[in-house]
Amino acid sequence: MLATRKAYVGLAWLFVLGVAVQFFLAGLGDLGGESFEAHDAFGNVLTIVTVVLLVLAVAGRMGGVIIGGSAVLFLLVFLQSLWVQELEDEIPGSIHVLAALFIFALGHYLAQRATRAPRAVAV
């Protein structure tokens, strides 16, 4: 179980870094004249990462806050792909950007909380 918790912590911090990379890729796509293909593809990777985080949280018995937070994180990242499909409309496009901020904040919170969680004592 300790290995599962360590894996969660490491992957959670990589997720936070990945969200920052997503902001960069979105900026390249919008302001840099590049396409959004890298942003789209990396978003799919981050969706898979949230599934793995949820599985690790449950398997590692990380507690209700981290398990529930991981489930909400997955839901938000999944919904991002739905909101982006409606970008022609200003409201869903704005929600996509605002949700990215919440995803970053929640990911950071979960990574910090998991890092500070009490370590299991080896028996």
C-alpha atoms as a PDB file:
ATOM      1  CA  MET A   1       0.000   0.000   0.000  1.00  0.00           C
ATOM      2  CA  LEU A   2       2.931   2.340   0.659  1.00  0.00           C
ATOM      3  CA  ALA A   3       4.069   1.899  -2.948  1.00  0.00           C
ATOM      4  CA  THR A   4       0.564   2.798  -4.131  1.00  0.00           C
ATOM      5  CA  ARG A   5       0.597   5.980  -2.056  1.00  0.00           C
ATOM      6  CA  LYS A   6       4.047   6.936  -3.364  1.00  0.00           C
ATOM      7  CA  ALA A   7       2.881   6.306  -6.922  1.00  0.00           C
ATOM      8  CA  TYR A   8      -0.158   8.520  -6.303  1.00  0.00           C
ATOM      9  CA  VAL A   9       1.980  11.355  -4.951  1.00  0.00           C
ATOM     10  CA  GLY A  10       4.431  11.217  -7.852  1.00  0.00           C
ATOM     11  CA  LEU A  11       1.719  10.997 -10.480  1.00  0.00           C
ATOM     12  CA  ALA A  12      -0.293  13.782  -8.833  1.00  0.00           C
ATOM     13  CA  TRP A  13       2.673  16.160  -9.048  1.00  0.00           C
ATOM     14  CA  LEU A  14       3.283  15.122 -12.660  1.00  0.00           C
ATOM     15  CA  PHE A  15      -0.388  15.870 -13.349  1.00  0.00           C
ATOM     16  CA  VAL A  16       0.017  19.393 -11.944  1.00  0.00           C
ATOM     17  CA  LEU A  17       3.041  19.899 -14.190  1.00  0.00           C
ATOM     18  CA  GLY A  18       1.036  18.484 -17.094  1.00  0.00           C
ATOM     19  CA  VAL A  19      -1.742  21.024 -16.572  1.00  0.00           C
ATOM     20  CA  ALA A  20       0.851  23.809 -16.708  1.00  0.00           C
ATOM     21  CA  VAL A  21       2.105  22.321 -19.984  1.00  0.00           C
ATOM     22  CA  GLN A  22      -1.513  22.342 -21.221  1.00  0.00           C
ATOM     23  CA  PHE A  23      -1.749  26.079 -20.564  1.00  0.00           C
ATOM     24  CA  PHE A  24       1.459  26.543 -22.560  1.00  0.00           C
ATOM     25  CA  LEU A  25       0.181  24.407 -25.448  1.00  0.00           C
ATOM     26  CA  ALA A  26      -3.122  26.290 -25.472  1.00  0.00           C
ATOM     27  CA  GLY A  27      -1.216  29.565 -25.641  1.00  0.00           C
ATOM     28  CA  LEU A  28       0.814  28.258 -28.568  1.00  0.00           C
ATOM     29  CA  GLY A  29      -2.369  27.210 -30.321  1.00  0.00           C
ATOM     30  CA  ASP A  30      -4.119  30.516 -29.723  1.00  0.00           C
ATOM     31  CA  LEU A  31      -1.398  33.128 -29.766  1.00  0.00           C
ATOM     32  CA  GLY A  32       1.484  31.366 -31.494  1.00  0.00           C
ATOM     33  CA  GLY A  33      -0.309  30.439 -34.655  1.00  0.00           C
ATOM     34  CA  GLU A  34       0.256  26.734 -34.021  1.00  0.00           C
ATOM     35  CA  SER A  35      -2.516  24.157 -34.193  1.00  0.00           C
ATOM     36  CA  PHE A  36      -4.301  22.837 -31.128  1.00  0.00           C
ATOM     37  CA  GLU A  37      -3.420  19.214 -31.980  1.00  0.00           C
ATOM     38  CA  ALA A  38      -0.731  18.918 -29.291  1.00  0.00           C
ATOM     39  CA  HIS A  39      -3.077  20.498 -26.746  1.00  0.00           C
ATOM     40  CA  ASP A  40      -5.856  18.058 -27.700  1.00  0.00           C
ATOM     41  CA  ALA A  41      -3.603  14.994 -27.614  1.00  0.00           C
ATOM     42  CA  PHE A  42      -2.018  15.928 -24.288  1.00  0.00           C
ATOM     43  CA  GLY A  43      -5.476  16.558 -22.854  1.00  0.00           C
ATOM     44  CA  ASN A  44      -6.327  12.939 -23.654  1.00  0.00           C
ATOM     45  CA  VAL A  45      -3.191  11.823 -21.802  1.00  0.00           C
ATOM     46  CA  LEU A  46      -4.209  13.885 -18.773  1.00  0.00           C
ATOM     47  CA  THR A  47      -7.652  12.271 -18.820  1.00  0.00           C
ATOM     48  CA  ILE A  48      -6.018   8.842 -18.600  1.00  0.00           C
ATOM     49  CA  VAL A  49      -3.777  10.095 -15.783  1.00  0.00           C
ATOM     50  CA  THR A  50      -6.852  11.098 -13.764  1.00  0.00           C
ATOM     51  CA  VAL A  51      -8.265   7.581 -14.133  1.00  0.00           C
ATOM     52  CA  VAL A  52      -4.985   6.128 -12.851  1.00  0.00           C
ATOM     53  CA  LEU A  53      -4.969   8.623  -9.965  1.00  0.00           C
ATOM     54  CA  LEU A  54      -8.473   7.547  -8.974  1.00  0.00           C
ATOM     55  CA  VAL A  55      -7.521   3.864  -9.096  1.00  0.00           C
ATOM     56  CA  LEU A  56      -4.378   4.522  -7.024  1.00  0.00           C
ATOM     57  CA  ALA A  57      -6.355   6.552  -4.477  1.00  0.00           C
ATOM     58  CA  VAL A  58      -8.841   3.724  -3.990  1.00  0.00           C
ATOM     59  CA  ALA A  59      -6.193   0.965  -3.995  1.00  0.00           C
ATOM     60  CA  GLY A  60      -4.006   2.920  -1.585  1.00  0.00           C
ATOM     61  CA  ARG A  61      -6.937   3.651   0.732  1.00  0.00           C
ATOM     62  CA  MET A  62      -5.980   7.303   0.647  1.00  0.00           C
ATOM     63  CA  GLY A  63      -9.098   8.501   2.463  1.00  0.00           C
ATOM     64  CA  GLY A  64     -12.365  10.047   1.464  1.00  0.00           C
ATOM     65  CA  VAL A  65     -11.025  13.492   0.629  1.00  0.00           C
ATOM     66  CA  ILE A  66      -8.366  12.257  -1.782  1.00  0.00           C
ATOM     67  CA  ILE A  67     -10.587   9.555  -3.307  1.00  0.00           C
ATOM     68  CA  GLY A  68     -13.490  11.976  -3.717  1.00  0.00           C
ATOM     69  CA  GLY A  69     -11.199  14.744  -4.968  1.00  0.00           C
ATOM     70  CA  SER A  70      -9.667  12.365  -7.504  1.00  0.00           C
ATOM     71  CA  ALA A  71     -13.154  11.451  -8.736  1.00  0.00           C
ATOM     72  CA  VAL A  72     -14.062  15.139  -9.106  1.00  0.00           C
ATOM     73  CA  LEU A  73     -10.752  15.761 -10.875  1.00  0.00           C
ATOM     74  CA  PHE A  74     -11.537  13.001 -13.378  1.00  0.00           C
ATOM     75  CA  LEU A  75     -15.026  14.408 -13.931  1.00  0.00           C
ATOM     76  CA  LEU A  76     -13.713  17.930 -14.563  1.00  0.00           C
ATOM     77  CA  VAL A  77     -11.021  16.752 -16.985  1.00  0.00           C
ATOM     78  CA  PHE A  78     -13.542  14.556 -18.806  1.00  0.00           C
ATOM     79  CA  LEU A  79     -16.000  17.449 -19.103  1.00  0.00           C
ATOM     80  CA  GLN A  80     -13.237  19.627 -20.567  1.00  0.00           C
ATOM     81  CA  SER A  81     -13.384  17.603 -23.766  1.00  0.00           C
ATOM     82  CA  LEU A  82     -17.138  18.125 -23.973  1.00  0.00           C
ATOM     83  CA  TRP A  83     -16.935  21.860 -23.368  1.00  0.00           C
ATOM     84  CA  VAL A  84     -14.234  22.294 -25.991  1.00  0.00           C
ATOM     85  CA  GLN A  85     -16.514  20.741 -28.617  1.00  0.00           C
ATOM     86  CA  GLU A  86     -18.857  23.689 -28.095  1.00  0.00           C
ATOM     87  CA  LEU A  87     -16.195  26.410 -28.401  1.00  0.00           C
ATOM     88  CA  GLU A  88     -18.096  28.148 -31.174  1.00  0.00           C
ATOM     89  CA  ASP A  89     -20.357  29.409 -28.404  1.00  0.00           C
ATOM     90  CA  GLU A  90     -18.705  31.887 -26.035  1.00  0.00           C
ATOM     91  CA  ILE A  91     -20.099  30.461 -22.777  1.00  0.00           C
ATOM     92  CA  PRO A  92     -18.800  26.866 -23.126  1.00  0.00           C
ATOM     93  CA  GLY A  93     -15.473  28.228 -24.357  1.00  0.00           C
ATOM     94  CA  SER A  94     -15.223  30.408 -21.281  1.00  0.00           C
ATOM     95  CA  ILE A  95     -16.154  27.476 -19.040  1.00  0.00           C
ATOM     96  CA  HIS A  96     -13.317  25.463 -20.649  1.00  0.00           C
ATOM     97  CA  VAL A  97     -10.774  28.083 -19.617  1.00  0.00           C
ATOM     98  CA  LEU A  98     -12.215  28.587 -16.139  1.00  0.00           C
ATOM     99  CA  ALA A  99     -12.422  24.838 -15.524  1.00  0.00           C
ATOM    100  CA  ALA A 100      -8.730  24.531 -16.418  1.00  0.00           C
ATOM    101  CA  LEU A 101      -7.955  26.858 -13.517  1.00  0.00           C
ATOM    102  CA  PHE A 102     -10.060  24.719 -11.159  1.00  0.00           C
ATOM    103  CA  ILE A 103      -8.394  21.551 -12.481  1.00  0.00           C
ATOM    104  CA  PHE A 104      -4.969  23.009 -11.752  1.00  0.00           C
ATOM    105  CA  ALA A 105      -6.018  24.125  -8.262  1.00  0.00           C
ATOM    106  CA  LEU A 106      -7.647  20.794  -7.381  1.00  0.00           C
ATOM    107  CA  GLY A 107      -4.715  18.814  -8.758  1.00  0.00           C
ATOM    108  CA  HIS A 108      -2.303  20.920  -6.713  1.00  0.00           C
ATOM    109  CA  TYR A 109      -4.426  20.523  -3.588  1.00  0.00           C
ATOM    110  CA  LEU A 110      -4.591  16.742  -3.996  1.00  0.00           C
ATOM    111  CA  ALA A 111      -0.841  16.482  -4.638  1.00  0.00           C
ATOM    112  CA  GLN A 112      -0.082  18.545  -1.530  1.00  0.00           C
ATOM    113  CA  ARG A 113      -2.550  16.653   0.638  1.00  0.00           C
ATOM    114  CA  ALA A 114      -1.264  13.268  -0.528  1.00  0.00           C
ATOM    115  CA  THR A 115       2.322  14.386   0.076  1.00  0.00           C
ATOM    116  CA  ARG A 116       1.475  15.395   3.631  1.00  0.00           C
ATOM    117  CA  ALA A 117      -0.681  12.311   4.360  1.00  0.00           C
ATOM    118  CA  PRO A 118       0.511  10.157   7.241  1.00  0.00           C
ATOM    119  CA  ARG A 119       2.864   7.422   6.109  1.00  0.00           C
ATOM    120  CA  ALA A 120       1.908   3.839   6.821  1.00  0.00           C
ATOM    121  CA  VAL A 121       4.160   2.172   9.354  1.00  0.00           C
ATOM    122  CA  ALA A 122       5.902  -0.956   8.057  1.00  0.00           C
ATOM    123  CA  VAL A 123       5.171  -4.005  10.178  1.00  0.00           C
END
